Amino acid sequence: MPALPIEVKDKGAEMFTHFCCVFIDGSFLSLWAATNFGVGYAVRRYFPPDGADVVIGVVLRILFGIATLTPIAIDIYRDIRVVWIKANQRITKAAVA
């Protein structure tokens, strides 16, 4: 079987990297959602909140969501930005050539 051209290998490596980034970001989001909903369900079932506990619980869930989703959102933004910059570089190269 003949060897693949270097362009195909480079493109395959780049696409594999992007796929891994998407998979990792999706895994983090899934883990966050499972933890958030699982803990919320367990707390409501075994320790039903009443009175001020309901308000405190909602505030803590919002703060937990912000604190845990912010790093994930930053990673997703960085990954999208890298893809965008590489696409612009390819467009510029094609326009010059």
PDB file of N, CA and C in Angstrom:
ATOM      1  N   MET A   1       0.843  -1.173   0.000  1.00  0.00           N
ATOM      2  CA  MET A   1       0.000   0.000   0.000  1.00  0.00           C
ATOM      3  C   MET A   1       0.892   1.241   0.000  1.00  0.00           C
ATOM      4  N   PRO A   2       0.632   2.212  -0.880  1.00  0.00           N
ATOM      5  CA  PRO A   2       1.488   3.398  -0.953  1.00  0.00           C
ATOM      6  C   PRO A   2       1.299   4.289   0.281  1.00  0.00           C
ATOM      7  N   ALA A   3       2.338   5.012   0.616  1.00  0.00           N
ATOM      8  CA  ALA A   3       2.286   5.927   1.760  1.00  0.00           C
ATOM      9  C   ALA A   3       1.388   7.119   1.428  1.00  0.00           C
ATOM     10  N   LEU A   4       0.754   7.650   2.453  1.00  0.00           N
ATOM     11  CA  LEU A   4      -0.113   8.803   2.261  1.00  0.00           C
ATOM     12  C   LEU A   4       0.716  10.062   2.058  1.00  0.00           C
ATOM     13  N   PRO A   5       0.234  10.977   1.250  1.00  0.00           N
ATOM     14  CA  PRO A   5       0.946  12.252   1.088  1.00  0.00           C
ATOM     15  C   PRO A   5       0.993  13.016   2.415  1.00  0.00           C
ATOM     16  N   ILE A   6       1.984  13.853   2.569  1.00  0.00           N
ATOM     17  CA  ILE A   6       2.184  14.594   3.809  1.00  0.00           C
ATOM     18  C   ILE A   6       0.994  15.516   4.105  1.00  0.00           C
ATOM     19  N   GLU A   7       0.336  16.044   3.059  1.00  0.00           N
ATOM     20  CA  GLU A   7      -0.815  16.921   3.267  1.00  0.00           C
ATOM     21  C   GLU A   7      -1.966  16.159   3.929  1.00  0.00           C
ATOM     22  N   VAL A   8      -2.158  14.922   3.501  1.00  0.00           N
ATOM     23  CA  VAL A   8      -3.227  14.095   4.069  1.00  0.00           C
ATOM     24  C   VAL A   8      -2.916  13.762   5.525  1.00  0.00           C
ATOM     25  N   LYS A   9      -1.652  13.443   5.790  1.00  0.00           N
ATOM     26  CA  LYS A   9      -1.259  13.144   7.171  1.00  0.00           C
ATOM     27  C   LYS A   9      -1.441  14.365   8.060  1.00  0.00           C
ATOM     28  N   ASP A  10      -1.030  15.534   7.581  1.00  0.00           N
ATOM     29  CA  ASP A  10      -1.167  16.764   8.368  1.00  0.00           C
ATOM     30  C   ASP A  10      -2.633  17.090   8.633  1.00  0.00           C
ATOM     31  N   LYS A  11      -3.451  16.976   7.595  1.00  0.00           N
ATOM     32  CA  LYS A  11      -4.888  17.269   7.744  1.00  0.00           C
ATOM     33  C   LYS A  11      -5.538  16.260   8.691  1.00  0.00           C
ATOM     34  N   GLY A  12      -5.151  14.992   8.585  1.00  0.00           N
ATOM     35  CA  GLY A  12      -5.693  13.969   9.478  1.00  0.00           C
ATOM     36  C   GLY A  12      -5.306  14.226  10.927  1.00  0.00           C
ATOM     37  N   ALA A  13      -4.051  14.621  11.149  1.00  0.00           N
ATOM     38  CA  ALA A  13      -3.602  14.926  12.512  1.00  0.00           C
ATOM     39  C   ALA A  13      -4.347  16.137  13.072  1.00  0.00           C
ATOM     40  N   GLU A  14      -4.559  17.144  12.227  1.00  0.00           N
ATOM     41  CA  GLU A  14      -5.288  18.337  12.672  1.00  0.00           C
ATOM     42  C   GLU A  14      -6.740  17.995  13.012  1.00  0.00           C
ATOM     43  N   MET A  15      -7.390  17.226  12.149  1.00  0.00           N
ATOM     44  CA  MET A  15      -8.784  16.850  12.404  1.00  0.00           C
ATOM     45  C   MET A  15      -8.904  15.976  13.647  1.00  0.00           C
ATOM     46  N   PHE A  16      -7.941  15.086  13.857  1.00  0.00           N
ATOM     47  CA  PHE A  16      -7.941  14.248  15.053  1.00  0.00           C
ATOM     48  C   PHE A  16      -7.806  15.105  16.306  1.00  0.00           C
ATOM     49  N   THR A  17      -6.958  16.113  16.254  1.00  0.00           N
ATOM     50  CA  THR A  17      -6.801  17.020  17.394  1.00  0.00           C
ATOM     51  C   THR A  17      -8.102  17.752  17.681  1.00  0.00           C
ATOM     52  N   HIS A  18      -8.763  18.244  16.644  1.00  0.00           N
ATOM     53  CA  HIS A  18     -10.039  18.942  16.839  1.00  0.00           C
ATOM     54  C   HIS A  18     -11.095  17.993  17.399  1.00  0.00           C
ATOM     55  N   PHE A  19     -11.134  16.766  16.886  1.00  0.00           N
ATOM     56  CA  PHE A  19     -12.090  15.788  17.388  1.00  0.00           C
ATOM     57  C   PHE A  19     -11.846  15.514  18.872  1.00  0.00           C
ATOM     58  N   CYS A  20     -10.586  15.366  19.252  1.00  0.00           N
ATOM     59  CA  CYS A  20     -10.262  15.116  20.667  1.00  0.00           C
ATOM     60  C   CYS A  20     -10.682  16.289  21.541  1.00  0.00           C
ATOM     61  N   CYS A  21     -10.474  17.512  21.063  1.00  0.00           N
ATOM     62  CA  CYS A  21     -10.887  18.692  21.828  1.00  0.00           C
ATOM     63  C   CYS A  21     -12.404  18.717  22.022  1.00  0.00           C
ATOM     64  N   VAL A  22     -13.134  18.438  20.965  1.00  0.00           N
ATOM     65  CA  VAL A  22     -14.596  18.412  21.058  1.00  0.00           C
ATOM     66  C   VAL A  22     -15.041  17.311  22.013  1.00  0.00           C
ATOM     67  N   PHE A  23     -14.418  16.146  21.927  1.00  0.00           N
ATOM     68  CA  PHE A  23     -14.766  15.032  22.800  1.00  0.00           C
ATOM     69  C   PHE A  23     -14.491  15.368  24.264  1.00  0.00           C
ATOM     70  N   ILE A  24     -13.356  15.961  24.551  1.00  0.00           N
ATOM     71  CA  ILE A  24     -13.010  16.316  25.931  1.00  0.00           C
ATOM     72  C   ILE A  24     -13.960  17.386  26.454  1.00  0.00           C
ATOM     73  N   ASP A  25     -14.233  18.424  25.657  1.00  0.00           N
ATOM     74  CA  ASP A  25     -15.162  19.473  26.089  1.00  0.00           C
ATOM     75  C   ASP A  25     -16.554  18.896  26.343  1.00  0.00           C
ATOM     76  N   GLY A  26     -17.004  18.040  25.456  1.00  0.00           N
ATOM     77  CA  GLY A  26     -18.314  17.399  25.644  1.00  0.00           C
ATOM     78  C   GLY A  26     -18.346  16.499  26.867  1.00  0.00           C
ATOM     79  N   SER A  27     -17.246  15.808  27.128  1.00  0.00           N
ATOM     80  CA  SER A  27     -17.174  14.948  28.317  1.00  0.00           C
ATOM     81  C   SER A  27     -17.260  15.777  29.591  1.00  0.00           C
ATOM     82  N   PHE A  28     -16.542  16.910  29.620  1.00  0.00           N
ATOM     83  CA  PHE A  28     -16.615  17.783  30.789  1.00  0.00           C
ATOM     84  C   PHE A  28     -18.030  18.305  31.000  1.00  0.00           C
ATOM     85  N   LEU A  29     -18.679  18.715  29.921  1.00  0.00           N
ATOM     86  CA  LEU A  29     -20.048  19.218  30.054  1.00  0.00           C
ATOM     87  C   LEU A  29     -21.001  18.118  30.522  1.00  0.00           C
ATOM     88  N   SER A  30     -20.838  16.914  30.003  1.00  0.00           N
ATOM     89  CA  SER A  30     -21.684  15.798  30.426  1.00  0.00           C
ATOM     90  C   SER A  30     -21.454  15.458  31.893  1.00  0.00           C
ATOM     91  N   LEU A  31     -20.202  15.440  32.298  1.00  0.00           N
ATOM     92  CA  LEU A  31     -19.875  15.170  33.696  1.00  0.00           C
ATOM     93  C   LEU A  31     -20.457  16.243  34.599  1.00  0.00           C
ATOM     94  N   TRP A  32     -20.366  17.501  34.176  1.00  0.00           N
ATOM     95  CA  TRP A  32     -20.936  18.591  34.959  1.00  0.00           C
ATOM     96  C   TRP A  32     -22.450  18.438  35.092  1.00  0.00           C
ATOM     97  N   ALA A  33     -23.118  18.150  33.980  1.00  0.00           N
ATOM     98  CA  ALA A  33     -24.571  18.018  34.011  1.00  0.00           C
ATOM     99  C   ALA A  33     -24.992  16.841  34.885  1.00  0.00           C
ATOM    100  N   ALA A  34     -24.305  15.711  34.750  1.00  0.00           N
ATOM    101  CA  ALA A  34     -24.647  14.541  35.567  1.00  0.00           C
ATOM    102  C   ALA A  34     -24.437  14.834  37.053  1.00  0.00           C
ATOM    103  N   THR A  35     -23.338  15.486  37.386  1.00  0.00           N
ATOM    104  CA  THR A  35     -23.075  15.820  38.780  1.00  0.00           C
ATOM    105  C   THR A  35     -24.113  16.799  39.309  1.00  0.00           C
ATOM    106  N   ASN A  36     -24.389  17.831  38.539  1.00  0.00           N
ATOM    107  CA  ASN A  36     -25.338  18.855  38.978  1.00  0.00           C
ATOM    108  C   ASN A  36     -26.727  18.269  39.202  1.00  0.00           C
ATOM    109  N   PHE A  37     -27.230  17.534  38.237  1.00  0.00           N
ATOM    110  CA  PHE A  37     -28.577  16.985  38.365  1.00  0.00           C
ATOM    111  C   PHE A  37     -28.624  15.833  39.364  1.00  0.00           C
ATOM    112  N   GLY A  38     -27.580  15.015  39.407  1.00  0.00           N
ATOM    113  CA  GLY A  38     -27.547  13.905  40.364  1.00  0.00           C
ATOM    114  C   GLY A  38     -27.515  14.368  41.798  1.00  0.00           C
ATOM    115  N   VAL A  39     -26.657  15.325  42.086  1.00  0.00           N
ATOM    116  CA  VAL A  39     -26.577  15.852  43.459  1.00  0.00           C
ATOM    117  C   VAL A  39     -27.863  16.584  43.809  1.00  0.00           C
ATOM    118  N   GLY A  40     -28.385  17.358  42.861  1.00  0.00           N
ATOM    119  CA  GLY A  40     -29.648  18.059  43.117  1.00  0.00           C
ATOM    120  C   GLY A  40     -30.787  17.089  43.422  1.00  0.00           C
ATOM    121  N   TYR A  41     -30.864  16.008  42.665  1.00  0.00           N
ATOM    122  CA  TYR A  41     -31.902  14.999  42.901  1.00  0.00           C
ATOM    123  C   TYR A  41     -31.716  14.327  44.262  1.00  0.00           C
ATOM    124  N   ALA A  42     -30.481  13.950  44.581  1.00  0.00           N
ATOM    125  CA  ALA A  42     -30.211  13.274  45.855  1.00  0.00           C
ATOM    126  C   ALA A  42     -30.532  14.180  47.036  1.00  0.00           C
ATOM    127  N   VAL A  43     -30.175  15.438  46.939  1.00  0.00           N
ATOM    128  CA  VAL A  43     -30.448  16.372  48.042  1.00  0.00           C
ATOM    129  C   VAL A  43     -31.950  16.549  48.215  1.00  0.00           C
ATOM    130  N   ARG A  44     -32.678  16.742  47.118  1.00  0.00           N
ATOM    131  CA  ARG A  44     -34.137  16.921  47.242  1.00  0.00           C
ATOM    132  C   ARG A  44     -34.821  15.669  47.772  1.00  0.00           C
ATOM    133  N   ARG A  45     -34.286  14.501  47.425  1.00  0.00           N
ATOM    134  CA  ARG A  45     -34.925  13.260  47.854  1.00  0.00           C
ATOM    135  C   ARG A  45     -34.642  12.928  49.322  1.00  0.00           C
ATOM    136  N   TYR A  46     -33.380  13.025  49.719  1.00  0.00           N
ATOM    137  CA  TYR A  46     -33.006  12.583  51.062  1.00  0.00           C
ATOM    138  C   TYR A  46     -32.983  13.701  52.095  1.00  0.00           C
ATOM    139  N   PHE A  47     -32.832  14.923  51.675  1.00  0.00           N
ATOM    140  CA  PHE A  47     -32.832  16.068  52.593  1.00  0.00           C
ATOM    141  C   PHE A  47     -33.710  17.167  52.011  1.00  0.00           C
ATOM    142  N   PRO A  48     -35.021  16.967  52.016  1.00  0.00           N
ATOM    143  CA  PRO A  48     -35.910  17.952  51.379  1.00  0.00           C
ATOM    144  C   PRO A  48     -35.734  19.343  52.012  1.00  0.00           C
ATOM    145  N   PRO A  49     -35.426  20.343  51.179  1.00  0.00           N
ATOM    146  CA  PRO A  49     -35.231  21.690  51.717  1.00  0.00           C
ATOM    147  C   PRO A  49     -36.560  22.357  52.031  1.00  0.00           C
ATOM    148  N   ASP A  50     -36.516  23.264  52.997  1.00  0.00           N
ATOM    149  CA  ASP A  50     -37.692  24.049  53.321  1.00  0.00           C
ATOM    150  C   ASP A  50     -37.254  25.435  53.780  1.00  0.00           C
ATOM    151  N   GLY A  51     -38.108  26.394  53.573  1.00  0.00           N
ATOM    152  CA  GLY A  51     -37.819  27.755  54.007  1.00  0.00           C
ATOM    153  C   GLY A  51     -36.627  28.375  53.297  1.00  0.00           C
ATOM    154  N   ALA A  52     -35.703  28.879  54.102  1.00  0.00           N
ATOM    155  CA  ALA A  52     -34.525  29.573  53.565  1.00  0.00           C
ATOM    156  C   ALA A  52     -33.584  28.613  52.840  1.00  0.00           C
ATOM    157  N   ASP A  53     -33.670  27.331  53.163  1.00  0.00           N
ATOM    158  CA  ASP A  53     -32.808  26.351  52.506  1.00  0.00           C
ATOM    159  C   ASP A  53     -33.039  26.315  50.992  1.00  0.00           C
ATOM    160  N   VAL A  54     -34.256  26.568  50.568  1.00  0.00           N
ATOM    161  CA  VAL A  54     -34.573  26.561  49.137  1.00  0.00           C
ATOM    162  C   VAL A  54     -33.818  27.697  48.435  1.00  0.00           C
ATOM    163  N   VAL A  55     -33.864  28.880  49.015  1.00  0.00           N
ATOM    164  CA  VAL A  55     -33.188  30.040  48.421  1.00  0.00           C
ATOM    165  C   VAL A  55     -31.683  29.826  48.432  1.00  0.00           C
ATOM    166  N   ILE A  56     -31.139  29.361  49.539  1.00  0.00           N
ATOM    167  CA  ILE A  56     -29.703  29.110  49.645  1.00  0.00           C
ATOM    168  C   ILE A  56     -29.278  28.042  48.638  1.00  0.00           C
ATOM    169  N   GLY A  57     -30.097  27.008  48.498  1.00  0.00           N
ATOM    170  CA  GLY A  57     -29.790  25.950  47.536  1.00  0.00           C
ATOM    171  C   GLY A  57     -29.742  26.461  46.106  1.00  0.00           C
ATOM    172  N   VAL A  58     -30.681  27.314  45.736  1.00  0.00           N
ATOM    173  CA  VAL A  58     -30.705  27.874  44.382  1.00  0.00           C
ATOM    174  C   VAL A  58     -29.482  28.755  44.156  1.00  0.00           C
ATOM    175  N   VAL A  59     -29.160  29.591  45.138  1.00  0.00           N
ATOM    176  CA  VAL A  59     -27.989  30.466  45.005  1.00  0.00           C
ATOM    177  C   VAL A  59     -26.715  29.628  44.867  1.00  0.00           C
ATOM    178  N   LEU A  60     -26.577  28.589  45.676  1.00  0.00           N
ATOM    179  CA  LEU A  60     -25.384  27.740  45.594  1.00  0.00           C
ATOM    180  C   LEU A  60     -25.312  26.982  44.262  1.00  0.00           C
ATOM    181  N   ARG A  61     -26.452  26.549  43.743  1.00  0.00           N
ATOM    182  CA  ARG A  61     -26.445  25.876  42.434  1.00  0.00           C
ATOM    183  C   ARG A  61     -26.011  26.825  41.326  1.00  0.00           C
ATOM    184  N   ILE A  62     -26.462  28.074  41.400  1.00  0.00           N
ATOM    185  CA  ILE A  62     -26.059  29.063  40.396  1.00  0.00           C
ATOM    186  C   ILE A  62     -24.556  29.333  40.505  1.00  0.00           C
ATOM    187  N   LEU A  63     -24.074  29.525  41.726  1.00  0.00           N
ATOM    188  CA  LEU A  63     -22.643  29.771  41.912  1.00  0.00           C
ATOM    189  C   LEU A  63     -21.809  28.566  41.485  1.00  0.00           C
ATOM    190  N   PHE A  64     -22.267  27.361  41.786  1.00  0.00           N
ATOM    191  CA  PHE A  64     -21.574  26.153  41.355  1.00  0.00           C
ATOM    192  C   PHE A  64     -21.540  26.075  39.833  1.00  0.00           C
ATOM    193  N   GLY A  65     -22.656  26.408  39.214  1.00  0.00           N
ATOM    194  CA  GLY A  65     -22.714  26.385  37.747  1.00  0.00           C
ATOM    195  C   GLY A  65     -21.743  27.365  37.127  1.00  0.00           C
ATOM    196  N   ILE A  66     -21.705  28.580  37.651  1.00  0.00           N
ATOM    197  CA  ILE A  66     -20.791  29.587  37.115  1.00  0.00           C
ATOM    198  C   ILE A  66     -19.342  29.160  37.341  1.00  0.00           C
ATOM    199  N   ALA A  67     -19.036  28.685  38.546  1.00  0.00           N
ATOM    200  CA  ALA A  67     -17.652  28.328  38.888  1.00  0.00           C
ATOM    201  C   ALA A  67     -17.147  27.137  38.080  1.00  0.00           C
ATOM    202  N   THR A  68     -18.003  26.201  37.762  1.00  0.00           N
ATOM    203  CA  THR A  68     -17.546  25.016  37.043  1.00  0.00           C
ATOM    204  C   THR A  68     -17.656  25.159  35.526  1.00  0.00           C
ATOM    205  N   LEU A  69     -18.601  25.942  35.054  1.00  0.00           N
ATOM    206  CA  LEU A  69     -18.758  26.091  33.609  1.00  0.00           C
ATOM    207  C   LEU A  69     -17.815  27.130  33.000  1.00  0.00           C
ATOM    208  N   THR A  70     -17.344  28.061  33.802  1.00  0.00           N
ATOM    209  CA  THR A  70     -16.454  29.092  33.271  1.00  0.00           C
ATOM    210  C   THR A  70     -15.171  28.505  32.685  1.00  0.00           C
ATOM    211  N   PRO A  71     -14.438  27.627  33.384  1.00  0.00           N
ATOM    212  CA  PRO A  71     -13.234  27.058  32.763  1.00  0.00           C
ATOM    213  C   PRO A  71     -13.539  26.238  31.510  1.00  0.00           C
ATOM    214  N   ILE A  72     -14.653  25.530  31.511  1.00  0.00           N
ATOM    215  CA  ILE A  72     -15.030  24.744  30.334  1.00  0.00           C
ATOM    216  C   ILE A  72     -15.356  25.676  29.165  1.00  0.00           C
ATOM    217  N   ALA A  73     -16.085  26.749  29.450  1.00  0.00           N
ATOM    218  CA  ALA A  73     -16.423  27.710  28.394  1.00  0.00           C
ATOM    219  C   ALA A  73     -15.165  28.366  27.839  1.00  0.00           C
ATOM    220  N   ILE A  74     -14.190  28.651  28.691  1.00  0.00           N
ATOM    221  CA  ILE A  74     -12.933  29.241  28.230  1.00  0.00           C
ATOM    222  C   ILE A  74     -12.210  28.264  27.300  1.00  0.00           C
ATOM    223  N   ASP A  75     -12.179  26.986  27.670  1.00  0.00           N
ATOM    224  CA  ASP A  75     -11.533  25.980  26.807  1.00  0.00           C
ATOM    225  C   ASP A  75     -12.243  25.857  25.466  1.00  0.00           C
ATOM    226  N   ILE A  76     -13.565  25.850  25.478  1.00  0.00           N
ATOM    227  CA  ILE A  76     -14.321  25.752  24.229  1.00  0.00           C
ATOM    228  C   ILE A  76     -14.058  26.983  23.362  1.00  0.00           C
ATOM    229  N   TYR A  77     -14.051  28.162  23.972  1.00  0.00           N
ATOM    230  CA  TYR A  77     -13.764  29.392  23.223  1.00  0.00           C
ATOM    231  C   TYR A  77     -12.371  29.336  22.613  1.00  0.00           C
ATOM    232  N   ARG A  78     -11.385  28.883  23.390  1.00  0.00           N
ATOM    233  CA  ARG A  78     -10.008  28.788  22.892  1.00  0.00           C
ATOM    234  C   ARG A  78      -9.940  27.830  21.692  1.00  0.00           C
ATOM    235  N   ASP A  79     -10.607  26.684  21.804  1.00  0.00           N
ATOM    236  CA  ASP A  79     -10.591  25.720  20.706  1.00  0.00           C
ATOM    237  C   ASP A  79     -11.226  26.299  19.445  1.00  0.00           C
ATOM    238  N   ILE A  80     -12.344  26.983  19.597  1.00  0.00           N
ATOM    239  CA  ILE A  80     -13.014  27.597  18.451  1.00  0.00           C
ATOM    240  C   ILE A  80     -12.136  28.693  17.859  1.00  0.00           C
ATOM    241  N   ARG A  81     -11.501  29.464  18.711  1.00  0.00           N
ATOM    242  CA  ARG A  81     -10.620  30.554  18.244  1.00  0.00           C
ATOM    243  C   ARG A  81      -9.433  30.011  17.446  1.00  0.00           C
ATOM    244  N   VAL A  82      -8.846  28.900  17.909  1.00  0.00           N
ATOM    245  CA  VAL A  82      -7.730  28.294  17.188  1.00  0.00           C
ATOM    246  C   VAL A  82      -8.173  27.833  15.807  1.00  0.00           C
ATOM    247  N   VAL A  83      -9.327  27.192  15.734  1.00  0.00           N
ATOM    248  CA  VAL A  83      -9.845  26.742  14.436  1.00  0.00           C
ATOM    249  C   VAL A  83     -10.097  27.948  13.530  1.00  0.00           C
ATOM    250  N   TRP A  84     -10.649  29.023  14.082  1.00  0.00           N
ATOM    251  CA  TRP A  84     -10.948  30.227  13.313  1.00  0.00           C
ATOM    252  C   TRP A  84      -9.664  30.855  12.764  1.00  0.00           C
ATOM    253  N   ILE A  85      -8.638  30.953  13.607  1.00  0.00           N
ATOM    254  CA  ILE A  85      -7.363  31.543  13.172  1.00  0.00           C
ATOM    255  C   ILE A  85      -6.729  30.698  12.073  1.00  0.00           C
ATOM    256  N   LYS A  86      -6.738  29.370  12.239  1.00  0.00           N
ATOM    257  CA  LYS A  86      -6.165  28.498  11.205  1.00  0.00           C
ATOM    258  C   LYS A  86      -6.934  28.616   9.892  1.00  0.00           C
ATOM    259  N   ALA A  87      -8.243  28.728   9.968  1.00  0.00           N
ATOM    260  CA  ALA A  87      -9.048  28.887   8.746  1.00  0.00           C
ATOM    261  C   ALA A  87      -8.712  30.204   8.065  1.00  0.00           C
ATOM    262  N   ASN A  88      -8.555  31.271   8.827  1.00  0.00           N
ATOM    263  CA  ASN A  88      -8.190  32.561   8.237  1.00  0.00           C
ATOM    264  C   ASN A  88      -6.806  32.513   7.593  1.00  0.00           C
ATOM    265  N   GLN A  89      -5.875  31.798   8.219  1.00  0.00           N
ATOM    266  CA  GLN A  89      -4.546  31.663   7.636  1.00  0.00           C
ATOM    267  C   GLN A  89      -4.609  30.911   6.305  1.00  0.00           C
ATOM    268  N   ARG A  90      -5.428  29.844   6.254  1.00  0.00           N
ATOM    269  CA  ARG A  90      -5.566  29.098   5.000  1.00  0.00           C
ATOM    270  C   ARG A  90      -6.208  29.957   3.918  1.00  0.00           C
ATOM    271  N   ILE A  91      -7.181  30.758   4.286  1.00  0.00           N
ATOM    272  CA  ILE A  91      -7.840  31.650   3.318  1.00  0.00           C
ATOM    273  C   ILE A  91      -6.844  32.675   2.790  1.00  0.00           C
ATOM    274  N   THR A  92      -6.031  33.229   3.687  1.00  0.00           N
ATOM    275  CA  THR A  92      -5.041  34.212   3.272  1.00  0.00           C
ATOM    276  C   THR A  92      -4.012  33.580   2.337  1.00  0.00           C
ATOM    277  N   LYS A  93      -3.559  32.366   2.660  1.00  0.00           N
ATOM    278  CA  LYS A  93      -2.595  31.665   1.791  1.00  0.00           C
ATOM    279  C   LYS A  93      -3.210  31.411   0.416  1.00  0.00           C
ATOM    280  N   ALA A  94      -4.462  31.004   0.382  1.00  0.00           N
ATOM    281  CA  ALA A  94      -5.122  30.704  -0.893  1.00  0.00           C
ATOM    282  C   ALA A  94      -5.313  31.974  -1.718  1.00  0.00           C
ATOM    283  N   ALA A  95      -5.587  33.092  -1.049  1.00  0.00           N
ATOM    284  CA  ALA A  95      -5.799  34.348  -1.763  1.00  0.00           C
ATOM    285  C   ALA A  95      -4.492  34.878  -2.348  1.00  0.00           C
ATOM    286  N   VAL A  96      -3.377  34.644  -1.659  1.00  0.00           N
ATOM    287  CA  VAL A  96      -2.075  35.111  -2.127  1.00  0.00           C
ATOM    288  C   VAL A  96      -1.579  34.259  -3.281  1.00  0.00           C
ATOM    289  N   ALA A  97      -1.870  32.969  -3.200  1.00  0.00           N
ATOM    290  CA  ALA A  97      -1.355  32.037  -4.230  1.00  0.00           C
ATOM    291  C   ALA A  97      -2.067  32.153  -5.547  1.00  0.00           C
TER     292      ALA A  97
END
